[in-house]
């Protein structure tokens, strides 16, 4: 007969009750002492044996109870994982998107002491909407946003339900410790599944239209570069005379090339497996440059040169410049209708809720057409 863990619990409980009863009646069952011991010694002996047996059974009862509790917790975790995996359906376009919006952004202190860099405004929209728009314009509808634990709630407040009336699906994951750009593909492995993936940094804004390049991507890797005056700050691509990529170097100390790799990367479905095999660099991070070099060595890397503005809004000056360029070139107006509609509906809902809260105190929002 096989006794299940739950059956064993009942058996142990019954044994404990039997022991307690036996301990109670032992003094009355022993009427005389043995040949070499007194009656009291015999009683004490049996009582000790029964007491130790009771302790053993209580301990076994507790151990089985904890085992069952752990199994229940594991079962719940597995159900949660299955539920999450079930929500990661294959993309209809074969491409999923990842926005990396974690980090501490120390260069923008104290602005980022209270909020994420990617939630700071660039002209009339939060920074996060620009990379989000790049992905949506490219036809990507399943997007994973990786955020830091300190600001995860702020991202959910802004983006949690903003696309509820569209086919865009947002997912969130928390990166407690930044481990390099390539770590995004390890974190997003179950999200990516058998689809290709486009990674964009949350503080990068592009004027060029990259829709065709992303939509026509099939396999291998695709990177984008821009000619810059300060290549030592970036990973750079060295080309031959025919503009074929020869190698990629991360922040070279000596001049290699002035074509910097921008914060937009496209990889095929194998990227997560490759990223897991990478060794951390000297600075302890899993470098996206190593991913790109892996594909380059196999002849599977393509490089596109951007002509328009590339804005990396990571410093006070670049943040200010980004806002001015976005305004002057009307970049914020050239958004996908899905994104524009979502922002408008969110703003209208926010104003309505704010007005209702103010009316309770006989206060009112200033009309938008109000003039000083």
Protein backbone atom coordinates (compact mmCIF):
# COMPACT_ATOMS: atom_id res chain seq x y z
CA UNK A 1 0.00 0.00 0.00
CA UNK A 2 1.31 3.45 -0.94
CA UNK A 3 0.83 6.18 1.65
CA UNK A 4 0.65 9.70 0.22
CA UNK A 5 2.15 12.65 2.13
CA UNK A 6 -1.31 13.70 3.21
CA UNK A 7 -2.09 10.13 4.42
CA UNK A 8 1.18 10.08 6.32
CA UNK A 9 0.16 13.22 8.18
CA UNK A 10 -2.99 11.54 9.45
CA UNK A 11 -1.00 8.42 10.42
CA UNK A 12 1.53 10.44 12.40
CA UNK A 13 -1.22 12.39 14.09
CA UNK A 14 -2.87 9.11 15.15
CA UNK A 15 0.45 7.80 16.51
CA UNK A 16 0.96 10.97 18.53
CA UNK A 17 -2.48 10.60 20.12
CA UNK A 18 -1.71 6.94 20.91
CA UNK A 19 1.57 7.91 22.55
CA UNK A 20 -0.06 10.56 24.68
CA UNK A 21 -2.67 8.08 25.87
CA UNK A 22 0.02 5.44 26.56
CA UNK A 23 2.04 7.94 28.57
CA UNK A 24 -0.99 8.71 30.67
CA UNK A 25 -1.80 5.08 31.51
CA UNK A 26 1.76 3.72 31.86
CA UNK A 27 2.01 4.34 35.64
CA UNK A 28 -1.15 2.28 36.16
CA UNK A 29 -0.02 -0.59 33.90
CA UNK A 30 3.26 -1.14 35.68
CA UNK A 31 2.38 -2.62 39.10
CA UNK A 32 5.73 -3.97 40.13
CA UNK A 33 9.34 -3.27 39.34
CA UNK A 34 11.60 -5.61 37.41
CA UNK A 35 14.18 -7.97 38.88
CA UNK A 36 16.90 -5.36 38.82
CA UNK A 37 14.99 -2.10 38.94
CA UNK A 38 12.43 -0.49 41.11
CA UNK A 39 8.92 0.33 40.05
CA UNK A 40 9.78 4.03 39.78
CA UNK A 41 12.80 3.35 37.56
CA UNK A 42 10.72 1.15 35.26
CA UNK A 43 8.04 3.82 35.01
CA UNK A 44 10.66 6.46 34.25
CA UNK A 45 12.22 4.30 31.55
CA UNK A 46 8.94 3.82 29.72
CA UNK A 47 8.00 7.44 30.08
CA UNK A 48 11.34 8.56 28.58
CA UNK A 49 10.95 6.17 25.64
CA UNK A 50 7.42 7.39 25.00
CA UNK A 51 8.48 11.03 25.36
CA UNK A 52 11.35 10.64 22.87
CA UNK A 53 9.03 8.82 20.49
CA UNK A 54 6.54 11.65 20.76
CA UNK A 55 9.25 14.22 20.00
CA UNK A 56 10.34 12.21 16.98
CA UNK A 57 6.82 11.97 15.64
CA UNK A 58 6.14 15.67 16.24
CA UNK A 59 9.35 16.53 14.39
CA UNK A 60 8.37 14.21 11.53
CA UNK A 61 4.93 15.78 11.44
CA UNK A 62 6.48 19.24 11.20
CA UNK A 63 8.91 18.12 8.49
CA UNK A 64 6.15 16.66 6.35
CA UNK A 65 4.04 19.77 6.86
CA UNK A 66 6.90 21.96 5.63
CA UNK A 67 7.48 19.62 2.67
CA UNK A 68 3.86 19.90 1.66
CA UNK A 69 3.98 23.66 2.05
CA UNK A 70 7.06 23.87 -0.17
CA UNK A 71 5.39 21.66 -2.77
CA UNK A 72 2.35 23.92 -2.75
CA UNK A 73 4.58 26.99 -3.19
CA UNK A 74 6.48 25.33 -6.04
CA UNK A 75 3.19 24.37 -7.65
CA UNK A 76 1.96 27.96 -7.39
CA UNK A 77 5.23 29.26 -8.86
CA UNK A 78 4.97 26.81 -11.75
CA UNK A 79 1.41 27.88 -12.38
CA UNK A 80 2.52 31.54 -12.40
CA UNK A 81 5.34 30.73 -14.83
CA UNK A 82 2.99 28.75 -17.06
CA UNK A 83 0.56 31.64 -16.99
CA UNK A 84 3.28 34.11 -17.95
CA UNK A 85 4.62 31.85 -20.69
CA UNK A 86 1.12 31.38 -22.03
CA UNK A 87 0.78 35.16 -22.34
CA UNK A 88 3.96 35.33 -24.44
CA UNK A 89 2.34 34.32 -27.68
CA UNK A 90 4.32 34.24 -30.92
CA UNK A 91 4.34 37.63 -32.62
CA UNK A 92 2.27 37.81 -35.78
CA UNK A 93 5.12 39.65 -37.48
CA UNK A 94 7.83 37.36 -36.11
CA UNK A 95 9.41 40.29 -34.28
CA UNK A 96 9.18 41.41 -30.65
CA UNK A 97 10.56 44.55 -29.04
CA UNK A 98 12.48 45.29 -25.87
CA UNK A 99 13.00 48.72 -24.34
CA UNK A 100 15.81 48.93 -21.80
CA UNK A 101 14.78 51.62 -19.33
CA UNK A 102 16.64 50.68 -16.15
CA UNK A 103 19.87 52.03 -14.74
CA UNK A 104 20.52 54.90 -12.34
CA UNK A 105 21.29 57.75 -14.78
CA UNK A 106 23.80 59.38 -12.42
CA UNK A 107 24.80 61.91 -15.09
CA UNK A 108 21.36 63.47 -14.72
CA UNK A 109 21.36 63.76 -10.92
CA UNK A 110 19.45 65.35 -9.21
CA UNK A 111 16.75 65.13 -11.92
CA UNK A 112 16.79 61.35 -11.66
CA UNK A 113 16.79 61.29 -7.86
CA UNK A 114 12.98 61.20 -7.89
CA UNK A 115 12.11 59.64 -11.25
CA UNK A 116 13.54 57.56 -14.06
CA UNK A 117 15.51 59.25 -16.82
CA UNK A 118 13.15 57.72 -19.38
CA UNK A 119 10.19 59.47 -17.71
CA UNK A 120 11.73 62.93 -18.04
CA UNK A 121 10.13 65.14 -20.69
CA UNK A 122 11.63 65.63 -24.13
CA UNK A 123 9.68 68.65 -25.35
CA UNK A 124 6.01 67.65 -24.98
CA UNK A 125 6.26 63.91 -24.28
CA UNK A 126 7.99 61.66 -21.80
CA UNK A 127 11.23 60.24 -23.18
CA UNK A 128 9.94 56.65 -23.11
CA UNK A 129 7.37 57.39 -25.81
CA UNK A 130 10.04 58.03 -28.47
CA UNK A 131 11.61 54.54 -28.45
CA UNK A 132 8.13 53.09 -27.93
CA UNK A 133 6.98 54.88 -31.06
CA UNK A 134 9.99 53.57 -33.02
CA UNK A 135 8.96 49.99 -32.26
CA UNK A 136 5.25 50.51 -32.91
CA UNK A 137 5.96 52.22 -36.25
CA UNK A 138 8.03 49.18 -37.23
CA UNK A 139 4.97 47.00 -36.76
CA UNK A 140 6.04 45.54 -33.40
CA UNK A 141 3.09 44.92 -31.12
CA UNK A 142 4.59 42.82 -28.28
CA UNK A 143 7.00 44.95 -26.24
CA UNK A 144 8.90 44.17 -23.04
CA UNK A 145 9.97 47.18 -20.97
CA UNK A 146 12.81 46.50 -18.53
CA UNK A 147 12.84 48.96 -15.63
CA UNK A 148 14.64 49.51 -12.34
CA UNK A 149 12.89 48.52 -9.08
CA UNK A 150 12.90 52.09 -7.77
CA UNK A 151 10.73 53.39 -10.62
CA UNK A 152 8.69 50.37 -11.66
CA UNK A 153 5.50 51.82 -10.16
CA UNK A 154 5.88 55.06 -12.11
CA UNK A 155 6.16 53.16 -15.39
CA UNK A 156 3.06 51.14 -14.56
CA UNK A 157 1.12 54.29 -13.68
CA UNK A 158 1.97 55.79 -17.06
CA UNK A 159 1.96 52.78 -19.36
CA UNK A 160 0.11 50.04 -17.52
CA UNK A 161 -3.20 50.42 -19.39
CA UNK A 162 -2.39 53.05 -21.98
CA UNK A 163 -2.77 50.65 -24.93
CA UNK A 164 -5.85 48.83 -23.62
CA UNK A 165 -7.88 49.79 -26.71
CA UNK A 166 -5.22 48.76 -29.25
CA UNK A 167 -3.37 45.61 -30.30
CA UNK A 168 -0.14 46.74 -28.61
CA UNK A 169 0.73 44.57 -25.62
CA UNK A 170 3.20 45.81 -23.02
CA UNK A 171 5.06 43.58 -20.57
CA UNK A 172 7.29 44.69 -17.71
CA UNK A 173 10.30 43.17 -15.99
CA UNK A 174 12.48 44.56 -13.21
CA UNK A 175 16.27 44.61 -13.50
CA UNK A 176 17.59 44.86 -9.95
CA UNK A 177 21.25 45.10 -10.98
CA UNK A 178 22.35 46.41 -14.41
CA UNK A 179 24.54 43.72 -16.00
CA UNK A 180 25.04 45.12 -19.47
CA UNK A 181 22.87 45.63 -22.55
CA UNK A 182 23.10 41.99 -23.65
CA UNK A 183 21.55 40.93 -20.34
CA UNK A 184 18.23 42.19 -21.69
CA UNK A 185 18.11 39.18 -24.02
CA UNK A 186 18.72 36.80 -21.11
CA UNK A 187 16.01 38.44 -19.02
CA UNK A 188 13.67 38.41 -22.00
CA UNK A 189 14.38 34.84 -23.13
CA UNK A 190 10.90 33.46 -22.42
CA UNK A 191 9.35 36.64 -23.82
CA UNK A 192 11.30 36.37 -27.10
CA UNK A 193 10.59 32.67 -27.58
CA UNK A 194 11.03 31.72 -31.23
CA UNK A 195 10.67 35.28 -32.50
CA UNK A 196 13.34 37.76 -33.56
CA UNK A 197 13.94 40.72 -31.26
CA UNK A 198 14.60 44.45 -31.58
CA UNK A 199 16.24 46.13 -28.60
CA UNK A 200 16.13 49.90 -28.22
CA UNK A 201 17.53 51.96 -25.38
CA UNK A 202 14.96 54.02 -23.52
CA UNK A 203 16.89 57.28 -23.92
CA UNK A 204 17.49 57.08 -27.70
CA UNK A 205 15.52 59.17 -30.20
CA UNK A 206 15.85 58.71 -33.96
CA UNK A 207 14.83 61.00 -36.77
CA UNK A 208 15.46 58.39 -39.50
CA UNK A 209 12.72 55.97 -40.41
CA UNK A 210 13.98 52.44 -39.74
CA UNK A 211 10.67 50.71 -40.43
CA UNK A 212 11.72 48.94 -43.64
CA UNK A 213 15.00 47.64 -42.19
CA UNK A 214 13.27 46.09 -39.18
CA UNK A 215 10.31 44.71 -41.10
CA UNK A 216 12.56 43.11 -43.75
CA UNK A 217 14.85 41.50 -41.17
CA UNK A 218 14.92 37.70 -41.39
CA UNK A 219 17.94 36.28 -39.55
CA UNK A 220 21.38 37.13 -38.22
CA UNK A 221 21.87 40.58 -36.70
CA UNK A 222 21.33 44.18 -37.74
CA UNK A 223 22.97 47.22 -36.21
CA UNK A 224 22.76 50.94 -36.88
CA UNK A 225 25.61 53.45 -36.78
CA UNK A 226 25.98 57.20 -36.92
CA UNK A 227 29.05 59.30 -37.65
CA UNK A 228 29.97 61.21 -34.47
CA UNK A 229 32.67 63.67 -33.36
CA UNK A 230 33.41 61.80 -30.12
CA UNK A 231 33.64 58.07 -31.00
CA UNK A 232 35.63 57.25 -27.86
CA UNK A 233 32.32 57.36 -25.92
CA UNK A 234 30.73 54.55 -27.90
CA UNK A 235 31.17 51.18 -29.46
CA UNK A 236 32.41 51.85 -32.99
CA UNK A 237 32.45 49.91 -36.26
CA UNK A 238 35.53 49.78 -38.43
CA UNK A 239 34.74 49.52 -42.14
CA UNK A 240 36.88 48.58 -45.16
CA UNK A 241 36.99 50.71 -48.30
CA UNK A 242 33.72 49.14 -49.48
CA UNK A 243 31.96 49.95 -46.18
CA UNK A 244 31.92 46.34 -45.10
CA UNK A 245 32.15 45.96 -41.33
CA UNK A 246 35.48 44.49 -40.19
CA UNK A 247 35.27 44.70 -36.42
CA UNK A 248 33.42 46.37 -33.57
CA UNK A 249 35.31 47.90 -30.65
CA UNK A 250 33.79 49.13 -27.38
CA UNK A 251 34.94 52.64 -26.39
CA UNK A 252 38.36 52.51 -28.08
CA UNK A 253 41.18 54.46 -26.44
CA UNK A 254 42.91 54.94 -29.78
CA UNK A 255 41.00 56.01 -32.91
CA UNK A 256 39.43 53.10 -34.77
CA UNK A 257 36.43 54.68 -36.48
CA UNK A 258 34.01 57.56 -36.05
CA UNK A 259 30.95 55.43 -36.82
CA UNK A 260 29.30 54.88 -33.45
CA UNK A 261 26.84 52.12 -32.70
CA UNK A 262 23.53 53.70 -31.69
CA UNK A 263 21.06 52.29 -29.18
CA UNK A 264 19.06 50.18 -31.62
CA UNK A 265 19.80 46.49 -32.25
CA UNK A 266 18.04 43.69 -34.11
CA UNK A 267 18.84 40.00 -33.56
CA UNK A 268 17.36 36.69 -34.56
CA UNK A 269 15.76 34.16 -32.23
CA UNK A 270 19.14 32.66 -31.26
CA UNK A 271 20.26 35.79 -29.42
CA UNK A 272 19.28 34.64 -25.91
CA UNK A 273 21.25 31.39 -26.19
CA UNK A 274 24.29 33.27 -27.47
CA UNK A 275 24.03 35.95 -24.77
CA UNK A 276 24.02 33.31 -22.03
CA UNK A 277 27.41 32.05 -23.26
CA UNK A 278 29.11 35.45 -23.21
CA UNK A 279 31.75 36.19 -20.62
CA UNK A 280 31.53 39.49 -18.72
CA UNK A 281 33.91 42.22 -19.85
CA UNK A 282 36.54 43.90 -17.70
CA UNK A 283 33.87 46.20 -16.32
CA UNK A 284 31.79 43.17 -15.31
CA UNK A 285 29.05 43.56 -17.93
CA UNK A 286 27.70 41.38 -20.71
CA UNK A 287 28.47 43.55 -23.73
CA UNK A 288 26.19 43.89 -26.73
CA UNK A 289 29.38 44.46 -28.76
CA UNK A 290 30.36 40.85 -28.07
CA UNK A 291 26.99 39.73 -29.40
CA UNK A 292 27.49 41.77 -32.56
CA UNK A 293 31.03 40.48 -33.06
CA UNK A 294 29.72 36.91 -32.73
CA UNK A 295 27.37 37.47 -35.65
CA UNK A 296 30.02 39.43 -37.55
CA UNK A 297 32.48 36.54 -37.35
CA UNK A 298 29.84 34.26 -38.84
CA UNK A 299 29.13 36.73 -41.64
CA UNK A 300 25.59 37.32 -40.36
CA UNK A 301 25.80 41.00 -39.35
CA UNK A 302 24.43 43.87 -41.41
CA UNK A 303 25.12 47.54 -40.71
CA UNK A 304 22.98 50.54 -41.68
CA UNK A 305 24.24 54.14 -41.48
CA UNK A 306 21.80 56.73 -40.13
CA UNK A 307 21.71 60.14 -41.78
CA UNK A 308 19.20 61.98 -39.62
CA UNK A 309 19.47 63.07 -36.00
CA UNK A 310 20.33 60.56 -33.33
CA UNK A 311 19.60 61.91 -29.86
CA UNK A 312 21.08 60.19 -26.80
CA UNK A 313 19.41 62.23 -24.06
CA UNK A 314 21.68 61.16 -21.22
CA UNK A 315 23.19 64.46 -20.07
CA UNK A 316 21.80 67.91 -19.21
CA UNK A 317 23.03 69.37 -22.50
CA UNK A 318 21.87 66.47 -24.67
CA UNK A 319 18.47 66.46 -22.92
CA UNK A 320 18.04 70.17 -23.62
CA UNK A 321 19.28 69.77 -27.19
CA UNK A 322 16.96 66.82 -27.75
CA UNK A 323 13.94 68.89 -26.74
CA UNK A 324 14.92 71.71 -29.08
CA UNK A 325 15.54 69.38 -32.04
CA UNK A 326 12.31 67.46 -31.42
CA UNK A 327 10.40 70.75 -31.41
CA UNK A 328 12.11 72.33 -34.41
CA UNK A 329 11.92 69.19 -36.59
CA UNK A 330 8.46 68.25 -35.30
CA UNK A 331 9.63 64.75 -34.44
CA UNK A 332 7.02 64.42 -31.70
CA UNK A 333 4.29 65.04 -34.24
CA UNK A 334 5.46 62.20 -36.48
CA UNK A 335 4.16 59.50 -34.16
CA UNK A 336 2.18 56.43 -35.10
CA UNK A 337 -1.59 57.01 -34.75
CA UNK A 338 -1.84 54.22 -32.17
CA UNK A 339 0.66 55.98 -29.91
CA UNK A 340 -0.85 59.44 -30.40
CA UNK A 341 -4.35 58.16 -29.64
CA UNK A 342 -3.15 56.35 -26.52
CA UNK A 343 -1.39 59.47 -25.22
CA UNK A 344 -4.41 61.69 -25.91
CA UNK A 345 -6.78 59.31 -24.15
CA UNK A 346 -4.43 59.00 -21.18
CA UNK A 347 -4.13 62.79 -20.87
CA UNK A 348 -7.91 63.23 -21.09
CA UNK A 349 -8.50 60.59 -18.43
CA UNK A 350 -5.82 62.10 -16.18
CA UNK A 351 -7.37 65.57 -16.47
CA UNK A 352 -10.81 64.18 -15.68
CA UNK A 353 -9.63 62.37 -12.55
CA UNK A 354 -7.63 65.41 -11.44
CA UNK A 355 -10.63 67.70 -11.92
CA UNK A 356 -12.87 65.41 -9.90
CA UNK A 357 -10.34 65.38 -7.07
CA UNK A 358 -10.05 69.17 -7.13
CA UNK A 359 -13.82 69.75 -7.18
CA UNK A 360 -14.08 68.13 -3.76
CA UNK A 361 -12.13 71.15 -2.47
CA UNK A 362 -13.88 73.73 -4.69
CA UNK A 363 -10.81 73.99 -6.91
CA UNK A 364 -10.67 73.81 -10.69
CA UNK A 365 -8.13 73.26 -13.44
CA UNK A 366 -7.04 76.33 -15.37
CA UNK A 367 -8.50 76.30 -18.91
CA UNK A 368 -5.95 75.42 -21.59
CA UNK A 369 -6.70 78.59 -23.52
CA UNK A 370 -6.15 80.71 -20.43
CA UNK A 371 -3.87 83.71 -21.02
CA UNK A 372 -1.95 85.56 -18.38
